[in-house]
PDB file of all heavy atoms in Angstrom:
ATOM      1  N   ALA A   1      -9.791   0.435  10.606  1.00  0.00           N
ATOM      2  CA  ALA A   1     -10.429   1.586  11.376  1.00  0.00           C
ATOM      3  C   ALA A   1      -9.419   2.738  11.368  1.00  0.00           C
ATOM      4  O   ALA A   1      -9.932   3.952  11.358  1.00  0.00           O
ATOM      5  CB  ALA A   1     -10.718   1.201  12.796  1.00  0.00           C
ATOM      6  N   HIS A   2      -8.139   2.571  11.259  1.00  0.00           N
ATOM      7  CA  HIS A   2      -7.247   3.620  11.377  1.00  0.00           C
ATOM      8  C   HIS A   2      -6.595   4.052  10.046  1.00  0.00           C
ATOM      9  O   HIS A   2      -5.994   5.101   9.991  1.00  0.00           O
ATOM     10  CB  HIS A   2      -6.099   3.270  12.350  1.00  0.00           C
ATOM     11  CG  HIS A   2      -6.590   3.293  13.766  1.00  0.00           C
ATOM     12  ND1 HIS A   2      -7.053   2.184  14.381  1.00  0.00           N
ATOM     13  CD2 HIS A   2      -6.754   4.276  14.734  1.00  0.00           C
ATOM     14  CE1 HIS A   2      -7.498   2.324  15.575  1.00  0.00           C
ATOM     15  NE2 HIS A   2      -7.268   3.630  15.834  1.00  0.00           N
ATOM     16  N   GLU A   3      -6.697   3.274   9.049  1.00  0.00           N
ATOM     17  CA  GLU A   3      -6.257   3.679   7.695  1.00  0.00           C
ATOM     18  C   GLU A   3      -7.162   4.801   7.202  1.00  0.00           C
ATOM     19  O   GLU A   3      -8.356   4.880   7.497  1.00  0.00           O
ATOM     20  CB  GLU A   3      -6.296   2.463   6.727  1.00  0.00           C
ATOM     21  CG  GLU A   3      -5.307   1.427   7.029  1.00  0.00           C
ATOM     22  CD  GLU A   3      -3.907   1.688   6.465  1.00  0.00           C
ATOM     23  OE1 GLU A   3      -3.874   2.690   5.708  1.00  0.00           O
ATOM     24  OE2 GLU A   3      -3.105   0.830   6.548  1.00  0.00           O
ATOM     25  N   GLY A   4      -6.718   5.522   6.251  1.00  0.00           N
ATOM     26  CA  GLY A   4      -7.605   6.560   5.677  1.00  0.00           C
ATOM     27  C   GLY A   4      -6.919   7.752   5.340  1.00  0.00           C
ATOM     28  O   GLY A   4      -7.451   8.763   4.935  1.00  0.00           O
ATOM     29  N   SER A   5      -5.573   7.989   5.647  1.00  0.00           N
ATOM     30  CA  SER A   5      -4.885   9.102   5.312  1.00  0.00           C
ATOM     31  C   SER A   5      -4.875   9.395   3.795  1.00  0.00           C
ATOM     32  O   SER A   5      -4.767   8.412   2.964  1.00  0.00           O
ATOM     33  CB  SER A   5      -3.383   9.036   5.739  1.00  0.00           C
ATOM     34  OG  SER A   5      -2.564  10.005   5.220  1.00  0.00           O
ATOM     35  N   THR A   6      -4.933  10.653   3.388  1.00  0.00           N
ATOM     36  CA  THR A   6      -4.842  10.923   1.965  1.00  0.00           C
ATOM     37  C   THR A   6      -3.457  11.402   1.618  1.00  0.00           C
ATOM     38  O   THR A   6      -3.265  11.856   0.425  1.00  0.00           O
ATOM     39  CB  THR A   6      -5.901  12.040   1.588  1.00  0.00           C
ATOM     40  OG1 THR A   6      -5.642  13.186   2.415  1.00  0.00           O
ATOM     41  CG2 THR A   6      -7.323  11.455   1.820  1.00  0.00           C
ATOM     42  N   ASP A   7      -2.535  11.407   2.468  1.00  0.00           N
ATOM     43  CA  ASP A   7      -1.180  11.780   2.239  1.00  0.00           C
ATOM     44  C   ASP A   7      -0.585  10.852   1.265  1.00  0.00           C
ATOM     45  O   ASP A   7      -0.574   9.590   1.388  1.00  0.00           O
ATOM     46  CB  ASP A   7      -0.362  11.754   3.566  1.00  0.00           C
ATOM     47  CG  ASP A   7       1.038  12.168   3.442  1.00  0.00           C
ATOM     48  OD1 ASP A   7       1.537  12.220   2.288  1.00  0.00           O
ATOM     49  OD2 ASP A   7       1.696  12.348   4.429  1.00  0.00           O
ATOM     50  N   PRO A   8      -0.023  11.324   0.098  1.00  0.00           N
ATOM     51  CA  PRO A   8       0.478  10.517  -0.953  1.00  0.00           C
ATOM     52  C   PRO A   8       1.656   9.713  -0.512  1.00  0.00           C
ATOM     53  O   PRO A   8       2.063   8.648  -1.160  1.00  0.00           O
ATOM     54  CB  PRO A   8       0.804  11.397  -2.130  1.00  0.00           C
ATOM     55  CG  PRO A   8       0.948  12.735  -1.490  1.00  0.00           C
ATOM     56  CD  PRO A   8      -0.039  12.738  -0.319  1.00  0.00           C
ATOM     57  N   GLU A   9       2.319  10.070   0.618  1.00  0.00           N
ATOM     58  CA  GLU A   9       3.487   9.319   1.158  1.00  0.00           C
ATOM     59  C   GLU A   9       3.018   8.258   2.158  1.00  0.00           C
ATOM     60  O   GLU A   9       3.812   7.646   2.710  1.00  0.00           O
ATOM     61  CB  GLU A   9       4.539  10.227   1.675  1.00  0.00           C
ATOM     62  CG  GLU A   9       5.239  11.151   0.694  1.00  0.00           C
ATOM     63  CD  GLU A   9       5.933  10.255  -0.328  1.00  0.00           C
ATOM     64  OE1 GLU A   9       6.665   9.352   0.046  1.00  0.00           O
ATOM     65  OE2 GLU A   9       5.685  10.599  -1.540  1.00  0.00           O
ATOM     66  N   ASP A  10       1.717   8.246   2.451  1.00  0.00           N
ATOM     67  CA  ASP A  10       1.200   7.305   3.290  1.00  0.00           C
ATOM     68  C   ASP A  10       1.520   5.845   2.820  1.00  0.00           C
ATOM     69  O   ASP A  10       1.530   5.593   1.652  1.00  0.00           O
ATOM     70  CB  ASP A  10      -0.368   7.454   3.411  1.00  0.00           C
ATOM     71  CG  ASP A  10      -1.027   6.360   4.198  1.00  0.00           C
ATOM     72  OD1 ASP A  10      -0.990   6.381   5.371  1.00  0.00           O
ATOM     73  OD2 ASP A  10      -1.568   5.449   3.481  1.00  0.00           O
ATOM     74  N   GLU A  11       1.751   4.890   3.835  1.00  0.00           N
ATOM     75  CA  GLU A  11       2.143   3.589   3.451  1.00  0.00           C
ATOM     76  C   GLU A  11       1.152   2.847   2.593  1.00  0.00           C
ATOM     77  O   GLU A  11       1.415   2.088   1.565  1.00  0.00           O
ATOM     78  CB  GLU A  11       2.464   2.726   4.681  1.00  0.00           C
ATOM     79  CG  GLU A  11       3.022   1.344   4.351  1.00  0.00           C
ATOM     80  CD  GLU A  11       3.690   0.631   5.473  1.00  0.00           C
ATOM     81  OE1 GLU A  11       3.836   1.278   6.526  1.00  0.00           O
ATOM     82  OE2 GLU A  11       4.061  -0.498   5.336  1.00  0.00           O
ATOM     83  N   ALA A  12      -0.114   3.105   2.868  1.00  0.00           N
ATOM     84  CA  ALA A  12      -1.176   2.424   2.102  1.00  0.00           C
ATOM     85  C   ALA A  12      -1.134   2.924   0.664  1.00  0.00           C
ATOM     86  O   ALA A  12      -1.293   2.160  -0.311  1.00  0.00           O
ATOM     87  CB  ALA A  12      -2.564   2.717   2.711  1.00  0.00           C
ATOM     88  N   ALA A  13      -0.920   4.210   0.480  1.00  0.00           N
ATOM     89  CA  ALA A  13      -0.809   4.770  -0.815  1.00  0.00           C
ATOM     90  C   ALA A  13       0.381   4.207  -1.571  1.00  0.00           C
ATOM     91  O   ALA A  13       0.331   3.933  -2.814  1.00  0.00           O
ATOM     92  CB  ALA A  13      -0.754   6.295  -0.899  1.00  0.00           C
ATOM     93  N   LEU A  14       1.513   4.055  -0.898  1.00  0.00           N
ATOM     94  CA  LEU A  14       2.696   3.426  -1.470  1.00  0.00           C
ATOM     95  C   LEU A  14       2.403   1.979  -2.006  1.00  0.00           C
ATOM     96  O   LEU A  14       2.760   1.630  -3.070  1.00  0.00           O
ATOM     97  CB  LEU A  14       3.860   3.504  -0.448  1.00  0.00           C
ATOM     98  CG  LEU A  14       4.673   4.666  -0.253  1.00  0.00           C
ATOM     99  CD1 LEU A  14       5.627   4.528   0.933  1.00  0.00           C
ATOM    100  CD2 LEU A  14       5.407   5.029  -1.536  1.00  0.00           C
ATOM    101  N   ALA A  15       1.792   1.223  -1.095  1.00  0.00           N
ATOM    102  CA  ALA A  15       1.492  -0.144  -1.419  1.00  0.00           C
ATOM    103  C   ALA A  15       0.573  -0.234  -2.602  1.00  0.00           C
ATOM    104  O   ALA A  15       0.730  -1.066  -3.524  1.00  0.00           O
ATOM    105  CB  ALA A  15       0.823  -0.809  -0.243  1.00  0.00           C
ATOM    106  N   ASP A  16      -0.410   0.672  -2.657  1.00  0.00           N
ATOM    107  CA  ASP A  16      -1.364   0.657  -3.791  1.00  0.00           C
ATOM    108  C   ASP A  16      -0.751   1.056  -5.117  1.00  0.00           C
ATOM    109  O   ASP A  16      -0.908   0.510  -6.209  1.00  0.00           O
ATOM    110  CB  ASP A  16      -2.499   1.624  -3.558  1.00  0.00           C
ATOM    111  CG  ASP A  16      -3.765   1.196  -4.323  1.00  0.00           C
ATOM    112  OD1 ASP A  16      -4.011  -0.022  -4.544  1.00  0.00           O
ATOM    113  OD2 ASP A  16      -4.543   2.092  -4.795  1.00  0.00           O
ATOM    114  N   ALA A  17       0.241   2.005  -5.003  1.00  0.00           N
ATOM    115  CA  ALA A  17       0.976   2.426  -6.220  1.00  0.00           C
ATOM    116  C   ALA A  17       1.887   1.365  -6.797  1.00  0.00           C
ATOM    117  O   ALA A  17       2.034   1.143  -7.971  1.00  0.00           O
ATOM    118  CB  ALA A  17       1.838   3.685  -5.850  1.00  0.00           C
ATOM    119  N   VAL A  18       2.546   0.707  -5.874  1.00  0.00           N
ATOM    120  CA  VAL A  18       3.369  -0.522  -6.251  1.00  0.00           C
ATOM    121  C   VAL A  18       2.506  -1.717  -6.829  1.00  0.00           C
ATOM    122  O   VAL A  18       2.900  -2.287  -7.738  1.00  0.00           O
ATOM    123  CB  VAL A  18       4.237  -0.915  -5.121  1.00  0.00           C
ATOM    124  CG1 VAL A  18       4.941  -2.244  -5.449  1.00  0.00           C
ATOM    125  CG2 VAL A  18       5.260   0.121  -4.747  1.00  0.00           C
ATOM    126  N   GLY A  19       1.374  -1.833  -6.127  1.00  0.00           N
ATOM    127  CA  GLY A  19       0.540  -2.948  -6.525  1.00  0.00           C
ATOM    128  C   GLY A  19       0.402  -3.899  -5.350  1.00  0.00           C
ATOM    129  O   GLY A  19       1.350  -4.571  -4.975  1.00  0.00           O
ATOM    130  N   LEU A  20      -0.778  -3.957  -4.744  1.00  0.00           N
ATOM    131  CA  LEU A  20      -0.926  -4.806  -3.509  1.00  0.00           C
ATOM    132  C   LEU A  20      -0.643  -6.254  -3.868  1.00  0.00           C
ATOM    133  O   LEU A  20      -0.020  -6.988  -3.123  1.00  0.00           O
ATOM    134  CB  LEU A  20      -2.328  -4.680  -2.952  1.00  0.00           C
ATOM    135  CG  LEU A  20      -2.627  -3.345  -2.227  1.00  0.00           C
ATOM    136  CD1 LEU A  20      -4.102  -3.294  -1.872  1.00  0.00           C
ATOM    137  CD2 LEU A  20      -1.739  -3.179  -0.978  1.00  0.00           C
ATOM    138  N   ALA A  21      -1.216  -6.629  -5.061  1.00  0.00           N
ATOM    139  CA  ALA A  21      -0.928  -8.114  -5.453  1.00  0.00           C
ATOM    140  C   ALA A  21       0.492  -8.330  -5.674  1.00  0.00           C
ATOM    141  O   ALA A  21       0.958  -9.451  -5.217  1.00  0.00           O
ATOM    142  CB  ALA A  21      -1.730  -8.396  -6.672  1.00  0.00           C
ATOM    143  N   LEU A  22       1.240  -7.395  -6.175  1.00  0.00           N
ATOM    144  CA  LEU A  22       2.692  -7.692  -6.398  1.00  0.00           C
ATOM    145  C   LEU A  22       3.429  -7.810  -5.062  1.00  0.00           C
ATOM    146  O   LEU A  22       4.246  -8.678  -4.951  1.00  0.00           O
ATOM    147  CB  LEU A  22       3.338  -6.508  -7.224  1.00  0.00           C
ATOM    148  CG  LEU A  22       4.837  -6.645  -7.350  1.00  0.00           C
ATOM    149  CD1 LEU A  22       5.295  -7.877  -8.089  1.00  0.00           C
ATOM    150  CD2 LEU A  22       5.373  -5.387  -8.146  1.00  0.00           C
ATOM    151  N   LEU A  23       3.049  -6.956  -4.089  1.00  0.00           N
ATOM    152  CA  LEU A  23       3.674  -7.024  -2.809  1.00  0.00           C
ATOM    153  C   LEU A  23       3.398  -8.329  -2.107  1.00  0.00           C
ATOM    154  O   LEU A  23       4.223  -8.986  -1.461  1.00  0.00           O
ATOM    155  CB  LEU A  23       3.268  -5.853  -1.914  1.00  0.00           C
ATOM    156  CG  LEU A  23       3.799  -4.487  -2.286  1.00  0.00           C
ATOM    157  CD1 LEU A  23       3.157  -3.426  -1.416  1.00  0.00           C
ATOM    158  CD2 LEU A  23       5.352  -4.381  -2.225  1.00  0.00           C
ATOM    159  N   VAL A  24       2.122  -8.787  -2.286  1.00  0.00           N
ATOM    160  CA  VAL A  24       1.803 -10.073  -1.634  1.00  0.00           C
ATOM    161  C   VAL A  24       2.629 -11.149  -2.205  1.00  0.00           C
ATOM    162  O   VAL A  24       3.094 -12.040  -1.523  1.00  0.00           O
ATOM    163  CB  VAL A  24       0.261 -10.391  -1.907  1.00  0.00           C
ATOM    164  CG1 VAL A  24      -0.055 -11.781  -1.676  1.00  0.00           C
ATOM    165  CG2 VAL A  24      -0.595  -9.493  -1.117  1.00  0.00           C
ATOM    166  N   VAL A  25       2.811 -11.216  -3.623  1.00  0.00           N
ATOM    167  CA  VAL A  25       3.562 -12.334  -4.164  1.00  0.00           C
ATOM    168  C   VAL A  25       5.005 -12.218  -3.880  1.00  0.00           C
ATOM    169  O   VAL A  25       5.700 -13.177  -3.694  1.00  0.00           O
ATOM    170  CB  VAL A  25       3.258 -12.254  -5.765  1.00  0.00           C
ATOM    171  CG1 VAL A  25       4.129 -13.398  -6.396  1.00  0.00           C
ATOM    172  CG2 VAL A  25       1.841 -12.505  -6.105  1.00  0.00           C
ATOM    173  N   LEU A  26       5.544 -10.997  -3.798  1.00  0.00           N
ATOM    174  CA  LEU A  26       6.905 -10.746  -3.436  1.00  0.00           C
ATOM    175  C   LEU A  26       7.247 -11.416  -2.022  1.00  0.00           C
ATOM    176  O   LEU A  26       8.241 -11.866  -1.715  1.00  0.00           O
ATOM    177  CB  LEU A  26       7.301  -9.250  -3.397  1.00  0.00           C
ATOM    178  CG  LEU A  26       7.488  -8.640  -4.857  1.00  0.00           C
ATOM    179  CD1 LEU A  26       7.800  -7.183  -4.735  1.00  0.00           C
ATOM    180  CD2 LEU A  26       8.569  -9.286  -5.657  1.00  0.00           C
ATOM    181  N   ASP A  27       6.245 -11.223  -1.208  1.00  0.00           N
ATOM    182  CA  ASP A  27       6.331 -11.796   0.150  1.00  0.00           C
ATOM    183  C   ASP A  27       6.459 -13.296   0.211  1.00  0.00           C
ATOM    184  O   ASP A  27       6.886 -13.872   1.216  1.00  0.00           O
ATOM    185  CB  ASP A  27       5.208 -11.403   1.055  1.00  0.00           C
ATOM    186  CG  ASP A  27       5.577 -10.275   2.040  1.00  0.00           C
ATOM    187  OD1 ASP A  27       6.745  -9.924   2.105  1.00  0.00           O
ATOM    188  OD2 ASP A  27       4.684  -9.804   2.735  1.00  0.00           O
ATOM    189  N   THR A  28       6.121 -13.997  -0.911  1.00  0.00           N
ATOM    190  CA  THR A  28       6.298 -15.486  -0.944  1.00  0.00           C
ATOM    191  C   THR A  28       7.628 -15.951  -1.411  1.00  0.00           C
ATOM    192  O   THR A  28       7.961 -17.134  -1.358  1.00  0.00           O
ATOM    193  CB  THR A  28       5.166 -16.132  -1.874  1.00  0.00           C
ATOM    194  OG1 THR A  28       5.458 -15.724  -3.219  1.00  0.00           O
ATOM    195  CG2 THR A  28       3.758 -15.598  -1.513  1.00  0.00           C
TER     196      THR A  28
END
């Protein structure tokens, strides 16, 4: 509900740039 910023420094944008799947696997 609260995500949606278009700021390129937004954490969601950072995660997407790095790769959500990669971050998930790194967490293991």
